[in-house]
Amino acid sequence: MQINQHSTLLIDSNAYMYRFYFGSEPRQDHAGNSVHVIYSFMSFARRLLQQYKPERMVFVFDAEGENFRHELYNEYKSHRDPMPEELASQITHIQRALKLLGIPVLEQPQVEADDAIASLANVISARDEQVYIFSLDKDLMQLVNPNVAMVDDRRGNLMDENYVRKKFGIEPERVVEMLALTGDDADNIPGVEGVGQVTAAKLINQWGDIDNILANSHWVKGVIGNNLRKGEERLRLSLKLTQLKIDLYDESIMKQLKLYPEDKVSIHHFCNDMGFQV
C-alpha cells in the first residue's frame, strides 16, 4: 500500500474507538479506570506520523447528541445500543492525548463525523492535494476520487476508484445512490424493498441518479418496479440520509489542520497519570 508523503490523513475516530475497545489488551490506571483505548490511540497516532509523515492529520469524532438525520427520520440508528460507559469515559482523555501530541481534533455539532470528513476532503482535494481517509465505512466511499482514497490499515489495502468500481460495479460518485436504493441495516436506512447491490448497480448504470431512475421506473418490470414506484418517498428520504455534507468548511479551515510538535513535558505527566510507561 503506497501512501504519498506530505498528504492529509483524516481519521474516522469513532470507528477506531470501537476497534481498540474490543480488540486491544485491557489496561487500567492507578485508580483502576480503563485506559486501554487511550493507550491504543496514542500508539496509533504516533505510528501514523512516523510511518506516513503526513503534511496534516486530523482525528474526527462524532459530536454528542443527535444530528440533522434524526430530525429527518426519528428511526435513524434507533436500534443501536448506547456506547459502553467504559469506552465513553475515555473519549475526553483520548482527545487530550492527541492534542498534546500536536494533532488536531475535530467535532462538528449537528452533523456526524462522516460529514465533517467529507467536507474536509472536499476542501483539500479541491486544492489538488491528496487525502487518505482511514475508515472502512462504505458511506465514505462516495467521496473517493483521483485525490481522495480510503485506507484499510489492518489489511494494508488502499481503496481507490478502481477498488470502489470493483466492489460495487458503479462509479464512486454513485455510491450514495447505491446506499439509498439498497438501504443500510447498520444505520436503519429503509431503501427500496427487494433491491440489493446487483439490482441497484443495474439501475444506476442504466439511468444514473435517483431522479432519473424514478422518472424511468415505468420501464422496470415486476416487483422491483412496483416497489420503486410505491416507495418514491422512502427512497428520497434514504437519499437525504445517505448523502454526506460537503459544504461545512471553506479554505479558512486549513489553518486549524496544522500539525504541531508534541508537548513532551505534558505528555510525560499525562502518561504518568495514566500509568503508561514513558
C-alpha atoms as a PDB file:
ATOM      1  CA  MET A   1       0.000   0.000   0.000  1.00  0.00           C
ATOM      2  CA  GLN A   2       1.515   3.282  -1.151  1.00  0.00           C
ATOM      3  CA  ILE A   3       0.558   6.488   0.650  1.00  0.00           C
ATOM      4  CA  ASN A   4       2.131   9.691  -0.576  1.00  0.00           C
ATOM      5  CA  GLN A   5       4.087  11.683   1.964  1.00  0.00           C
ATOM      6  CA  HIS A   6       3.044  15.289   2.640  1.00  0.00           C
ATOM      7  CA  SER A   7      -0.625  14.371   2.183  1.00  0.00           C
ATOM      8  CA  THR A   8      -3.567  14.723   4.587  1.00  0.00           C
ATOM      9  CA  LEU A   9      -4.796  11.844   6.744  1.00  0.00           C
ATOM     10  CA  LEU A  10      -8.390  12.014   8.020  1.00  0.00           C
ATOM     11  CA  ILE A  11      -9.148   9.523  10.782  1.00  0.00           C
ATOM     12  CA  ASP A  12     -12.652   8.164  11.449  1.00  0.00           C
ATOM     13  CA  SER A  13     -12.079   8.199  15.199  1.00  0.00           C
ATOM     14  CA  ASN A  14     -15.309   6.569  16.349  1.00  0.00           C
ATOM     15  CA  ALA A  15     -14.613   3.510  14.228  1.00  0.00           C
ATOM     16  CA  TYR A  16     -11.167   3.177  15.786  1.00  0.00           C
ATOM     17  CA  MET A  17     -12.550   3.686  19.285  1.00  0.00           C
ATOM     18  CA  TYR A  18     -14.680   0.575  18.948  1.00  0.00           C
ATOM     19  CA  ARG A  19     -11.884  -1.342  17.255  1.00  0.00           C
ATOM     20  CA  PHE A  20      -9.472  -0.568  20.088  1.00  0.00           C
ATOM     21  CA  TYR A  21     -12.117  -1.040  22.781  1.00  0.00           C
ATOM     22  CA  PHE A  22     -12.903  -4.582  21.698  1.00  0.00           C
ATOM     23  CA  GLY A  23      -9.549  -5.523  20.210  1.00  0.00           C
ATOM     24  CA  SER A  24      -6.783  -4.217  22.465  1.00  0.00           C
ATOM     25  CA  GLU A  25      -5.339  -5.592  25.667  1.00  0.00           C
ATOM     26  CA  PRO A  26      -7.024  -4.275  28.848  1.00  0.00           C
ATOM     27  CA  ARG A  27      -5.146  -1.571  30.768  1.00  0.00           C
ATOM     28  CA  GLN A  28      -6.007   0.352  33.899  1.00  0.00           C
ATOM     29  CA  ASP A  29      -4.654   3.489  35.508  1.00  0.00           C
ATOM     30  CA  HIS A  30      -3.589   3.723  39.153  1.00  0.00           C
ATOM     31  CA  ALA A  31      -7.220   4.185  40.226  1.00  0.00           C
ATOM     32  CA  GLY A  32      -8.428   1.138  38.326  1.00  0.00           C
ATOM     33  CA  ASN A  33     -10.049   3.026  35.427  1.00  0.00           C
ATOM     34  CA  SER A  34      -9.871   1.525  31.955  1.00  0.00           C
ATOM     35  CA  VAL A  35      -7.340   3.326  29.762  1.00  0.00           C
ATOM     36  CA  HIS A  36      -6.617   0.765  27.026  1.00  0.00           C
ATOM     37  CA  VAL A  37      -8.336   2.771  24.280  1.00  0.00           C
ATOM     38  CA  ILE A  38      -6.382   5.901  25.245  1.00  0.00           C
ATOM     39  CA  TYR A  39      -3.120   3.965  25.056  1.00  0.00           C
ATOM     40  CA  SER A  40      -4.074   2.439  21.684  1.00  0.00           C
ATOM     41  CA  PHE A  41      -4.936   5.848  20.209  1.00  0.00           C
ATOM     42  CA  MET A  42      -1.609   7.313  21.289  1.00  0.00           C
ATOM     43  CA  SER A  43       0.307   4.374  19.807  1.00  0.00           C
ATOM     44  CA  PHE A  44      -1.751   4.505  16.607  1.00  0.00           C
ATOM     45  CA  ALA A  45      -1.301   8.264  16.158  1.00  0.00           C
ATOM     46  CA  ARG A  46       2.444   8.087  16.657  1.00  0.00           C
ATOM     47  CA  ARG A  47       2.723   5.201  14.210  1.00  0.00           C
ATOM     48  CA  LEU A  48       0.830   7.146  11.538  1.00  0.00           C
ATOM     49  CA  LEU A  49       3.083  10.163  11.995  1.00  0.00           C
ATOM     50  CA  GLN A  50       6.255   8.101  11.820  1.00  0.00           C
ATOM     51  CA  GLN A  51       5.175   5.780   9.019  1.00  0.00           C
ATOM     52  CA  TYR A  52       3.452   8.197   6.632  1.00  0.00           C
ATOM     53  CA  LYS A  53       4.920  11.606   7.524  1.00  0.00           C
ATOM     54  CA  PRO A  54       1.742  13.467   6.566  1.00  0.00           C
ATOM     55  CA  GLU A  55       1.503  17.199   5.956  1.00  0.00           C
ATOM     56  CA  ARG A  56      -1.692  17.200   8.023  1.00  0.00           C
ATOM     57  CA  MET A  57      -3.554  14.675  10.134  1.00  0.00           C
ATOM     58  CA  VAL A  58      -6.938  15.180  11.787  1.00  0.00           C
ATOM     59  CA  PHE A  59      -8.844  12.876  14.127  1.00  0.00           C
ATOM     60  CA  VAL A  60     -12.556  13.461  13.553  1.00  0.00           C
ATOM     61  CA  PHE A  61     -15.093  12.493  16.248  1.00  0.00           C
ATOM     62  CA  ASP A  62     -18.869  12.376  16.379  1.00  0.00           C
ATOM     63  CA  ALA A  63     -20.205  15.241  18.470  1.00  0.00           C
ATOM     64  CA  GLU A  64     -22.508  14.423  21.370  1.00  0.00           C
ATOM     65  CA  GLY A  65     -26.242  14.383  20.843  1.00  0.00           C
ATOM     66  CA  GLU A  66     -28.470  13.871  17.840  1.00  0.00           C
ATOM     67  CA  ASN A  67     -27.871  15.377  14.407  1.00  0.00           C
ATOM     68  CA  PHE A  68     -29.935  16.568  11.457  1.00  0.00           C
ATOM     69  CA  ARG A  69     -30.556  12.990  10.250  1.00  0.00           C
ATOM     70  CA  HIS A  70     -32.530  12.226  13.409  1.00  0.00           C
ATOM     71  CA  GLU A  71     -34.718  15.233  12.609  1.00  0.00           C
ATOM     72  CA  LEU A  72     -35.355  13.852   9.125  1.00  0.00           C
ATOM     73  CA  TYR A  73     -36.080  10.313  10.355  1.00  0.00           C
ATOM     74  CA  ASN A  74     -36.566   9.523  14.018  1.00  0.00           C
ATOM     75  CA  GLU A  75     -35.782   5.842  13.416  1.00  0.00           C
ATOM     76  CA  TYR A  76     -32.262   6.690  12.211  1.00  0.00           C
ATOM     77  CA  LYS A  77     -29.800   4.408  14.072  1.00  0.00           C
ATOM     78  CA  SER A  78     -32.533   3.854  16.667  1.00  0.00           C
ATOM     79  CA  HIS A  79     -31.719   0.158  17.058  1.00  0.00           C
ATOM     80  CA  ARG A  80     -28.104   0.744  18.132  1.00  0.00           C
ATOM     81  CA  ASP A  81     -27.024   0.166  21.700  1.00  0.00           C
ATOM     82  CA  PRO A  82     -25.554   3.185  23.523  1.00  0.00           C
ATOM     83  CA  MET A  83     -21.781   3.437  23.708  1.00  0.00           C
ATOM     84  CA  PRO A  84     -20.407   1.430  26.658  1.00  0.00           C
ATOM     85  CA  GLU A  85     -19.616   3.720  29.580  1.00  0.00           C
ATOM     86  CA  GLU A  86     -16.175   2.140  29.868  1.00  0.00           C
ATOM     87  CA  LEU A  87     -15.444   3.462  26.368  1.00  0.00           C
ATOM     88  CA  ALA A  88     -17.280   6.795  26.649  1.00  0.00           C
ATOM     89  CA  SER A  89     -15.307   7.667  29.782  1.00  0.00           C
ATOM     90  CA  GLN A  90     -12.057   7.558  27.793  1.00  0.00           C
ATOM     91  CA  ILE A  91     -13.018   9.958  24.997  1.00  0.00           C
ATOM     92  CA  THR A  92     -12.006  13.188  26.739  1.00  0.00           C
ATOM     93  CA  HIS A  93      -8.626  11.703  27.600  1.00  0.00           C
ATOM     94  CA  ILE A  94      -8.147  10.409  24.044  1.00  0.00           C
ATOM     95  CA  GLN A  95      -8.750  13.874  22.638  1.00  0.00           C
ATOM     96  CA  ARG A  96      -6.447  15.495  25.193  1.00  0.00           C
ATOM     97  CA  ALA A  97      -3.677  12.998  24.393  1.00  0.00           C
ATOM     98  CA  LEU A  98      -3.966  13.710  20.663  1.00  0.00           C
ATOM     99  CA  LYS A  99      -3.782  17.460  21.226  1.00  0.00           C
ATOM    100  CA  LEU A 100      -0.697  17.029  23.411  1.00  0.00           C
ATOM    101  CA  LEU A 101       0.840  15.085  20.530  1.00  0.00           C
ATOM    102  CA  GLY A 102       0.245  18.137  18.328  1.00  0.00           C
ATOM    103  CA  ILE A 103      -2.585  16.543  16.343  1.00  0.00           C
ATOM    104  CA  PRO A 104      -5.809  18.443  15.540  1.00  0.00           C
ATOM    105  CA  VAL A 105      -9.081  17.024  16.864  1.00  0.00           C
ATOM    106  CA  LEU A 106     -12.382  17.953  15.249  1.00  0.00           C
ATOM    107  CA  GLU A 107     -16.014  17.616  16.372  1.00  0.00           C
ATOM    108  CA  GLN A 108     -18.809  19.328  14.466  1.00  0.00           C
ATOM    109  CA  PRO A 109     -22.179  19.733  16.228  1.00  0.00           C
ATOM    110  CA  GLN A 110     -25.441  18.762  14.471  1.00  0.00           C
ATOM    111  CA  VAL A 111     -23.695  16.527  11.923  1.00  0.00           C
ATOM    112  CA  GLU A 112     -21.769  13.270  12.013  1.00  0.00           C
ATOM    113  CA  ALA A 113     -18.041  12.692  11.778  1.00  0.00           C
ATOM    114  CA  ASP A 114     -18.618  11.384   8.235  1.00  0.00           C
ATOM    115  CA  ASP A 115     -19.982  14.793   7.205  1.00  0.00           C
ATOM    116  CA  ALA A 116     -17.009  16.612   8.708  1.00  0.00           C
ATOM    117  CA  ILE A 117     -14.632  14.191   6.954  1.00  0.00           C
ATOM    118  CA  ALA A 118     -16.499  14.697   3.675  1.00  0.00           C
ATOM    119  CA  SER A 119     -16.307  18.484   3.945  1.00  0.00           C
ATOM    120  CA  LEU A 120     -12.611  18.421   4.840  1.00  0.00           C
ATOM    121  CA  ALA A 121     -11.871  16.077   1.958  1.00  0.00           C
ATOM    122  CA  ASN A 122     -13.787  18.369  -0.396  1.00  0.00           C
ATOM    123  CA  VAL A 123     -11.783  21.452   0.599  1.00  0.00           C
ATOM    124  CA  ILE A 124      -8.402  19.715   0.474  1.00  0.00           C
ATOM    125  CA  SER A 125      -8.960  17.740  -2.738  1.00  0.00           C
ATOM    126  CA  ALA A 126     -10.109  20.962  -4.443  1.00  0.00           C
ATOM    127  CA  ARG A 127      -6.555  22.207  -3.816  1.00  0.00           C
ATOM    128  CA  ASP A 128      -5.370  19.203  -5.879  1.00  0.00           C
ATOM    129  CA  GLU A 129      -3.832  17.665  -2.765  1.00  0.00           C
ATOM    130  CA  GLN A 130      -4.021  14.019  -1.765  1.00  0.00           C
ATOM    131  CA  VAL A 131      -6.365  12.900   1.035  1.00  0.00           C
ATOM    132  CA  TYR A 132      -6.425   9.494   2.725  1.00  0.00           C
ATOM    133  CA  ILE A 133      -9.423   8.565   4.878  1.00  0.00           C
ATOM    134  CA  PHE A 134      -8.680   5.882   7.458  1.00  0.00           C
ATOM    135  CA  SER A 135     -12.022   4.079   7.698  1.00  0.00           C
ATOM    136  CA  LEU A 136     -13.919   1.035   6.459  1.00  0.00           C
ATOM    137  CA  ASP A 137     -17.263   2.860   6.408  1.00  0.00           C
ATOM    138  CA  LYS A 138     -18.849   2.306   2.993  1.00  0.00           C
ATOM    139  CA  ASP A 139     -20.743   5.611   3.368  1.00  0.00           C
ATOM    140  CA  LEU A 140     -17.421   7.388   2.868  1.00  0.00           C
ATOM    141  CA  MET A 141     -16.783   5.631  -0.454  1.00  0.00           C
ATOM    142  CA  GLN A 142     -18.963   8.250  -2.145  1.00  0.00           C
ATOM    143  CA  LEU A 143     -16.040  10.649  -1.580  1.00  0.00           C
ATOM    144  CA  VAL A 144     -13.418   8.633  -3.486  1.00  0.00           C
ATOM    145  CA  ASN A 145     -11.960  10.453  -6.482  1.00  0.00           C
ATOM    146  CA  PRO A 146      -8.496  10.940  -8.035  1.00  0.00           C
ATOM    147  CA  ASN A 147      -7.407  12.944  -4.963  1.00  0.00           C
ATOM    148  CA  VAL A 148      -9.280  11.002  -2.260  1.00  0.00           C
ATOM    149  CA  ALA A 149      -8.766   7.354  -1.259  1.00  0.00           C
ATOM    150  CA  MET A 150      -9.720   5.287   1.768  1.00  0.00           C
ATOM    151  CA  VAL A 151      -7.341   3.134   3.768  1.00  0.00           C
ATOM    152  CA  ASP A 152      -7.856  -0.236   5.423  1.00  0.00           C
ATOM    153  CA  ASP A 153      -4.727  -0.150   7.573  1.00  0.00           C
ATOM    154  CA  ARG A 154      -5.425  -3.539   9.147  1.00  0.00           C
ATOM    155  CA  ARG A 155      -5.185  -5.348   5.793  1.00  0.00           C
ATOM    156  CA  GLY A 156      -2.922  -2.811   4.125  1.00  0.00           C
ATOM    157  CA  ASN A 157      -5.477  -2.042   1.384  1.00  0.00           C
ATOM    158  CA  LEU A 158      -5.855   1.232  -0.461  1.00  0.00           C
ATOM    159  CA  MET A 159      -9.480   1.739  -1.503  1.00  0.00           C
ATOM    160  CA  ASP A 160      -9.286   3.978  -4.556  1.00  0.00           C
ATOM    161  CA  GLU A 161     -11.579   4.499  -7.558  1.00  0.00           C
ATOM    162  CA  ASN A 162     -10.792   1.088  -9.050  1.00  0.00           C
ATOM    163  CA  TYR A 163     -11.485  -0.596  -5.709  1.00  0.00           C
ATOM    164  CA  VAL A 164     -14.941   1.015  -5.485  1.00  0.00           C
ATOM    165  CA  ARG A 165     -15.773   0.152  -9.102  1.00  0.00           C
ATOM    166  CA  LYS A 166     -14.838  -3.480  -8.481  1.00  0.00           C
ATOM    167  CA  LYS A 167     -16.731  -3.672  -5.174  1.00  0.00           C
ATOM    168  CA  PHE A 168     -19.999  -2.061  -6.297  1.00  0.00           C
ATOM    169  CA  GLY A 169     -19.911  -2.109 -10.106  1.00  0.00           C
ATOM    170  CA  ILE A 170     -20.522   1.660 -10.251  1.00  0.00           C
ATOM    171  CA  GLU A 171     -18.558   4.887 -10.197  1.00  0.00           C
ATOM    172  CA  PRO A 172     -17.663   6.176  -6.696  1.00  0.00           C
ATOM    173  CA  GLU A 173     -19.839   9.282  -7.013  1.00  0.00           C
ATOM    174  CA  ARG A 174     -22.851   6.962  -7.407  1.00  0.00           C
ATOM    175  CA  VAL A 175     -22.279   5.114  -4.123  1.00  0.00           C
ATOM    176  CA  VAL A 176     -24.792   7.446  -2.455  1.00  0.00           C
ATOM    177  CA  GLU A 177     -27.476   6.230  -4.905  1.00  0.00           C
ATOM    178  CA  MET A 178     -26.450   2.634  -4.205  1.00  0.00           C
ATOM    179  CA  LEU A 179     -26.888   3.122  -0.451  1.00  0.00           C
ATOM    180  CA  ALA A 180     -30.216   4.904  -0.895  1.00  0.00           C
ATOM    181  CA  LEU A 181     -31.602   2.120  -3.103  1.00  0.00           C
ATOM    182  CA  THR A 182     -30.387  -0.817  -1.013  1.00  0.00           C
ATOM    183  CA  GLY A 183     -30.841   0.805   2.377  1.00  0.00           C
ATOM    184  CA  ASP A 184     -28.460   0.209   5.258  1.00  0.00           C
ATOM    185  CA  ASP A 185     -29.355  -2.026   8.184  1.00  0.00           C
ATOM    186  CA  ALA A 186     -26.443  -0.664  10.235  1.00  0.00           C
ATOM    187  CA  ASP A 187     -27.930   2.861  10.135  1.00  0.00           C
ATOM    188  CA  ASN A 188     -31.574   1.765   9.879  1.00  0.00           C
ATOM    189  CA  ILE A 189     -31.983   3.406   6.458  1.00  0.00           C
ATOM    190  CA  PRO A 190     -35.011   1.893   4.677  1.00  0.00           C
ATOM    191  CA  GLY A 191     -34.100   1.882   0.967  1.00  0.00           C
ATOM    192  CA  VAL A 192     -36.341   0.125  -1.573  1.00  0.00           C
ATOM    193  CA  GLU A 193     -37.717  -3.252  -0.598  1.00  0.00           C
ATOM    194  CA  GLY A 194     -36.189  -6.074  -2.622  1.00  0.00           C
ATOM    195  CA  VAL A 195     -33.355  -4.011  -4.136  1.00  0.00           C
ATOM    196  CA  GLY A 196     -29.904  -5.417  -3.461  1.00  0.00           C
ATOM    197  CA  GLN A 197     -26.485  -4.374  -4.659  1.00  0.00           C
ATOM    198  CA  VAL A 198     -26.659  -6.085  -8.061  1.00  0.00           C
ATOM    199  CA  THR A 199     -30.071  -4.652  -8.933  1.00  0.00           C
ATOM    200  CA  ALA A 200     -29.085  -1.207  -7.673  1.00  0.00           C
ATOM    201  CA  ALA A 201     -25.951  -1.245  -9.840  1.00  0.00           C
ATOM    202  CA  LYS A 202     -28.026  -2.126 -12.917  1.00  0.00           C
ATOM    203  CA  LEU A 203     -30.457   0.721 -12.246  1.00  0.00           C
ATOM    204  CA  ILE A 204     -27.655   3.210 -11.623  1.00  0.00           C
ATOM    205  CA  ASN A 205     -25.613   2.197 -14.668  1.00  0.00           C
ATOM    206  CA  GLN A 206     -28.703   2.431 -16.865  1.00  0.00           C
ATOM    207  CA  TRP A 207     -30.254   5.664 -15.572  1.00  0.00           C
ATOM    208  CA  GLY A 208     -27.801   7.386 -13.247  1.00  0.00           C
ATOM    209  CA  ASP A 209     -29.173   9.378 -10.345  1.00  0.00           C
ATOM    210  CA  ILE A 210     -32.288   8.785  -8.255  1.00  0.00           C
ATOM    211  CA  ASP A 211     -34.383  11.386 -10.098  1.00  0.00           C
ATOM    212  CA  ASN A 212     -33.725   9.697 -13.427  1.00  0.00           C
ATOM    213  CA  ILE A 213     -34.239   6.206 -12.008  1.00  0.00           C
ATOM    214  CA  LEU A 214     -37.653   7.244 -10.668  1.00  0.00           C
ATOM    215  CA  ALA A 215     -38.528   9.021 -13.911  1.00  0.00           C
ATOM    216  CA  ASN A 216     -37.881   5.755 -15.765  1.00  0.00           C
ATOM    217  CA  SER A 217     -39.309   3.393 -13.173  1.00  0.00           C
ATOM    218  CA  HIS A 218     -42.215   2.545 -15.505  1.00  0.00           C
ATOM    219  CA  TRP A 219     -39.676   0.577 -17.577  1.00  0.00           C
ATOM    220  CA  VAL A 220     -38.755  -1.579 -14.576  1.00  0.00           C
ATOM    221  CA  LYS A 221     -40.946  -4.655 -14.550  1.00  0.00           C
ATOM    222  CA  GLY A 222     -42.229  -6.863 -11.749  1.00  0.00           C
ATOM    223  CA  VAL A 223     -41.947  -6.449  -8.008  1.00  0.00           C
ATOM    224  CA  ILE A 224     -38.900  -4.158  -8.160  1.00  0.00           C
ATOM    225  CA  GLY A 225     -40.657  -1.727 -10.471  1.00  0.00           C
ATOM    226  CA  ASN A 226     -43.734  -1.675  -8.257  1.00  0.00           C
ATOM    227  CA  ASN A 227     -41.604  -1.133  -5.145  1.00  0.00           C
ATOM    228  CA  LEU A 228     -39.719   1.726  -6.814  1.00  0.00           C
ATOM    229  CA  ARG A 229     -42.924   3.498  -7.749  1.00  0.00           C
ATOM    230  CA  LYS A 230     -44.666   2.880  -4.419  1.00  0.00           C
ATOM    231  CA  GLY A 231     -41.545   3.688  -2.423  1.00  0.00           C
ATOM    232  CA  GLU A 232     -40.579   7.012  -4.033  1.00  0.00           C
ATOM    233  CA  GLU A 233     -40.983   8.985  -0.812  1.00  0.00           C
ATOM    234  CA  ARG A 234     -38.984   6.440   1.187  1.00  0.00           C
ATOM    235  CA  LEU A 235     -36.270   6.371  -1.469  1.00  0.00           C
ATOM    236  CA  ARG A 236     -35.923  10.156  -1.484  1.00  0.00           C
ATOM    237  CA  LEU A 237     -35.677  10.096   2.315  1.00  0.00           C
ATOM    238  CA  SER A 238     -32.991   7.415   2.114  1.00  0.00           C
ATOM    239  CA  LEU A 239     -31.033   9.588  -0.306  1.00  0.00           C
ATOM    240  CA  LYS A 240     -31.104  12.503   2.136  1.00  0.00           C
ATOM    241  CA  LEU A 241     -29.877  10.221   4.913  1.00  0.00           C
ATOM    242  CA  THR A 242     -27.010   8.721   2.907  1.00  0.00           C
ATOM    243  CA  GLN A 243     -25.815  11.939   1.224  1.00  0.00           C
ATOM    244  CA  LEU A 244     -22.822  13.349   3.104  1.00  0.00           C
ATOM    245  CA  LYS A 245     -22.471  17.092   3.578  1.00  0.00           C
ATOM    246  CA  ILE A 246     -19.502  18.560   1.726  1.00  0.00           C
ATOM    247  CA  ASP A 247     -20.069  22.272   2.412  1.00  0.00           C
ATOM    248  CA  LEU A 248     -19.380  22.631   6.148  1.00  0.00           C
ATOM    249  CA  TYR A 249     -15.994  24.315   5.649  1.00  0.00           C
ATOM    250  CA  ASP A 250     -14.163  26.634   3.317  1.00  0.00           C
ATOM    251  CA  GLU A 251     -10.463  27.431   2.880  1.00  0.00           C
ATOM    252  CA  SER A 252     -10.308  29.057   6.298  1.00  0.00           C
ATOM    253  CA  ILE A 253     -10.432  25.602   7.937  1.00  0.00           C
ATOM    254  CA  MET A 254      -6.934  24.849   6.661  1.00  0.00           C
ATOM    255  CA  LYS A 255      -5.234  26.805   9.437  1.00  0.00           C
ATOM    256  CA  GLN A 256      -6.903  24.522  12.009  1.00  0.00           C
ATOM    257  CA  LEU A 257      -5.431  21.394  10.417  1.00  0.00           C
ATOM    258  CA  LYS A 258      -1.750  22.067  11.089  1.00  0.00           C
ATOM    259  CA  LEU A 259       0.355  19.562  12.974  1.00  0.00           C
ATOM    260  CA  TYR A 260       2.460  20.891  15.846  1.00  0.00           C
ATOM    261  CA  PRO A 261       5.409  19.462  17.797  1.00  0.00           C
ATOM    262  CA  GLU A 262       4.218  17.365  20.701  1.00  0.00           C
ATOM    263  CA  ASP A 263       4.258  18.846  24.183  1.00  0.00           C
ATOM    264  CA  LYS A 264       6.848  16.477  25.643  1.00  0.00           C
ATOM    265  CA  VAL A 265       6.593  17.681  29.239  1.00  0.00           C
ATOM    266  CA  SER A 266       2.804  17.480  29.319  1.00  0.00           C
ATOM    267  CA  ILE A 267       2.855  14.104  27.547  1.00  0.00           C
ATOM    268  CA  HIS A 268       5.239  12.818  30.227  1.00  0.00           C
ATOM    269  CA  HIS A 269       2.873  13.909  33.002  1.00  0.00           C
ATOM    270  CA  PHE A 270      -0.151  12.566  31.127  1.00  0.00           C
ATOM    271  CA  CYS A 271       1.435   9.147  30.661  1.00  0.00           C
ATOM    272  CA  ASN A 272       2.398   9.018  34.336  1.00  0.00           C
ATOM    273  CA  ASP A 273      -1.195   9.815  35.316  1.00  0.00           C
ATOM    274  CA  MET A 274      -2.481   7.072  33.020  1.00  0.00           C
ATOM    275  CA  GLY A 275       0.054   4.525  34.214  1.00  0.00           C
ATOM    276  CA  PHE A 276       1.739   4.294  30.815  1.00  0.00           C
ATOM    277  CA  GLN A 277       5.436   3.571  30.561  1.00  0.00           C
ATOM    278  CA  VAL A 278       7.191   6.722  29.364  1.00  0.00           C
END
